[in-house]
Protein backbone atom coordinates (compact mmCIF):
# COMPACT_ATOMS: atom_id res chain seq x y z
CA UNK A 1 0.00 0.00 0.00
CA UNK A 2 1.32 3.41 -0.90
CA UNK A 3 1.51 6.05 1.85
CA UNK A 4 0.70 3.43 4.48
CA UNK A 5 2.70 4.29 7.60
CA UNK A 6 3.60 0.87 8.99
CA UNK A 7 4.90 2.37 12.25
CA UNK A 8 1.71 4.33 12.96
CA UNK A 9 -0.53 1.49 11.76
CA UNK A 10 1.41 -1.23 13.52
CA UNK A 11 0.48 -4.76 14.49
CA UNK A 12 -1.85 -4.46 17.47
CA UNK A 13 -2.48 -6.70 20.45
CA UNK A 14 -5.71 -7.75 18.73
CA UNK A 15 -6.41 -10.39 16.09
CA UNK A 16 -5.37 -9.42 12.57
CA UNK A 17 -7.99 -9.49 9.83
CA UNK A 18 -8.52 -8.53 6.22
CA UNK A 19 -9.08 -4.82 6.81
CA UNK A 20 -10.41 -2.95 3.78
CA UNK A 21 -8.24 0.09 3.06
CA UNK A 22 -8.24 2.32 0.01
CA UNK A 23 -6.11 5.23 -1.13
CA UNK A 24 -7.81 7.93 -3.13
CA UNK A 25 -5.55 10.81 -4.16
CA UNK A 26 -3.25 10.18 -1.21
CA UNK A 27 -6.06 10.01 1.36
CA UNK A 28 -6.15 6.68 3.18
CA UNK A 29 -9.61 5.41 4.17
CA UNK A 30 -10.84 2.28 5.91
CA UNK A 31 -14.17 0.55 5.54
CA UNK A 32 -16.21 0.78 8.73
CA UNK A 33 -18.70 -2.08 8.37
CA UNK A 34 -20.86 -0.67 11.19
CA UNK A 35 -21.30 2.70 9.51
CA UNK A 36 -21.32 1.07 6.02
CA UNK A 37 -18.87 3.59 4.61
CA UNK A 38 -15.20 4.40 4.23
CA UNK A 39 -13.83 6.75 6.89
CA UNK A 40 -10.51 8.50 7.24
CA UNK A 41 -7.82 6.07 8.38
CA UNK A 42 -6.34 7.59 11.53
CA UNK A 43 -4.34 5.69 14.15
CA UNK A 44 -7.40 5.74 16.45
CA UNK A 45 -9.61 4.40 13.64
CA UNK A 46 -7.06 1.62 13.07
CA UNK A 47 -7.53 0.58 16.71
CA UNK A 48 -11.35 0.94 16.52
CA UNK A 49 -11.68 -1.30 13.46
CA UNK A 50 -9.48 -4.01 14.98
CA UNK A 51 -11.32 -3.86 18.30
CA UNK A 52 -14.76 -4.05 16.65
CA UNK A 53 -13.57 -7.05 14.63
CA UNK A 54 -12.39 -8.66 17.89
CA UNK A 55 -15.75 -8.02 19.62
CA UNK A 56 -17.80 -9.43 16.74
CA UNK A 57 -15.63 -12.38 15.64
CA UNK A 58 -14.03 -13.43 18.93
CA UNK A 59 -16.40 -12.24 21.66
CA UNK A 60 -19.72 -12.93 19.95
CA UNK A 61 -21.24 -9.45 19.91
CA UNK A 62 -23.75 -8.63 17.19
CA UNK A 63 -22.50 -5.91 14.83
CA UNK A 64 -26.07 -4.60 14.61
CA UNK A 65 -25.92 -3.77 18.33
CA UNK A 66 -22.67 -1.78 18.20
CA UNK A 67 -22.57 1.91 17.35
CA UNK A 68 -19.48 3.89 16.34
CA UNK A 69 -19.15 7.64 16.95
CA UNK A 70 -22.29 7.78 19.12
CA UNK A 71 -23.30 11.38 19.78
CA UNK A 72 -24.33 12.42 23.28
CA UNK A 73 -25.54 15.77 24.60
CA UNK A 74 -25.65 17.28 28.02
CA UNK A 75 -27.30 20.69 27.85
CA UNK A 76 -25.45 22.62 25.18
CA UNK A 77 -22.41 20.34 25.33
CA UNK A 78 -22.03 17.77 22.53
CA UNK A 79 -19.85 14.70 23.05
CA UNK A 80 -19.09 11.58 21.06
CA UNK A 81 -18.45 8.06 22.35
CA UNK A 82 -16.06 6.08 20.21
CA UNK A 83 -18.22 2.94 20.43
CA UNK A 84 -21.26 1.81 22.40
CA UNK A 85 -22.55 -1.77 22.67
CA UNK A 86 -26.31 -2.15 23.20
CA UNK A 87 -28.52 -5.01 24.33
CA UNK A 88 -31.49 -6.19 22.28
CA UNK A 89 -33.70 -3.61 24.03
CA UNK A 90 -31.24 -0.97 22.75
CA UNK A 91 -30.08 -0.18 26.27
CA UNK A 92 -26.40 0.83 26.31
CA UNK A 93 -24.29 -1.80 28.10
CA UNK A 94 -20.66 -1.00 27.20
CA UNK A 95 -18.81 2.20 26.33
CA UNK A 96 -15.46 1.84 24.54
CA UNK A 97 -12.85 4.58 24.23
CA UNK A 98 -9.97 4.18 21.77
CA UNK A 99 -6.62 5.90 21.69
CA UNK A 100 -3.90 5.57 19.11
CA UNK A 101 -1.19 3.03 19.99
CA UNK A 102 1.36 5.66 21.01
CA UNK A 103 -1.00 7.20 23.61
CA UNK A 104 -0.58 5.80 27.11
CA UNK A 105 -3.79 4.88 28.93
CA UNK A 106 -3.97 7.17 31.97
CA UNK A 107 -6.50 8.30 34.55
CA UNK A 108 -7.37 11.16 32.19
CA UNK A 109 -8.70 8.61 29.66
CA UNK A 110 -10.85 7.01 32.36
CA UNK A 111 -12.09 10.45 33.40
CA UNK A 112 -13.14 11.05 29.78
CA UNK A 113 -15.09 7.79 29.48
CA UNK A 114 -16.64 8.37 32.93
CA UNK A 115 -18.18 11.61 31.67
CA UNK A 116 -19.94 9.63 28.93
CA UNK A 117 -21.08 7.09 31.49
CA UNK A 118 -22.78 9.76 33.59
CA UNK A 119 -25.22 9.99 30.68
CA UNK A 120 -25.44 6.31 29.65
CA UNK A 121 -25.06 4.34 32.93
CA UNK A 122 -23.56 1.22 31.32
CA UNK A 123 -22.33 -1.97 32.96
CA UNK A 124 -18.82 -1.97 31.47
CA UNK A 125 -16.21 0.58 30.42
CA UNK A 126 -13.40 -0.45 28.06
CA UNK A 127 -10.36 1.59 27.10
CA UNK A 128 -7.87 0.44 24.47
CA UNK A 129 -4.92 1.82 22.55
CA UNK A 130 -4.71 -1.42 20.58
CA UNK A 131 -1.75 -2.61 22.60
CA UNK A 132 -3.20 -2.45 26.12
CA UNK A 133 -6.85 -2.95 26.99
CA UNK A 134 -8.56 -2.16 30.26
CA UNK A 135 -12.05 -3.27 31.16
CA UNK A 136 -13.97 -2.44 34.29
CA UNK A 137 -17.38 -3.41 35.54
CA UNK A 138 -19.36 -0.62 37.09
CA UNK A 139 -20.36 -1.06 40.72
CA UNK A 140 -23.07 1.52 41.19
CA UNK A 141 -23.79 0.39 44.78
CA UNK A 142 -20.30 1.47 45.89
CA UNK A 143 -20.09 4.29 43.32
CA UNK A 144 -16.99 2.82 41.74
CA UNK A 145 -15.73 0.24 39.31
CA UNK A 146 -13.84 -3.03 39.44
CA UNK A 147 -11.18 -3.89 36.89
CA UNK A 148 -11.56 -7.30 35.30
CA UNK A 149 -8.81 -9.27 33.58
CA UNK A 150 -10.51 -10.04 30.30
CA UNK A 151 -12.97 -8.41 27.94
CA UNK A 152 -16.24 -10.27 28.59
CA UNK A 153 -17.91 -12.12 25.75
CA UNK A 154 -21.50 -11.39 24.80
CA UNK A 155 -22.63 -14.56 26.58
CA UNK A 156 -20.96 -13.46 29.85
CA UNK A 157 -22.89 -10.22 30.10
CA UNK A 158 -26.18 -10.49 31.94
CA UNK A 159 -28.93 -10.42 31.09
CA UNK A 160 -28.10 -12.57 28.09
CA UNK A 161 -29.80 -10.29 25.62
CA UNK A 162 -26.86 -8.88 23.68
Foldseek 3Di string as FASTA:
>chain_A
DPPDDCVQLDQFPADDDDWDWDADPNFIWTQDVLVRDTDGDGLQVSLVSRVVCCQVVPQPADSPQKDAQCWDDDVPDIDTFGMFGAFPVSQTAETEAEDALVDDDDVVSVVVVVVVCVVRVHQKYWYYNRHDIWMWGDDVVVRGIHTDDDDHGCCPDPPNGD
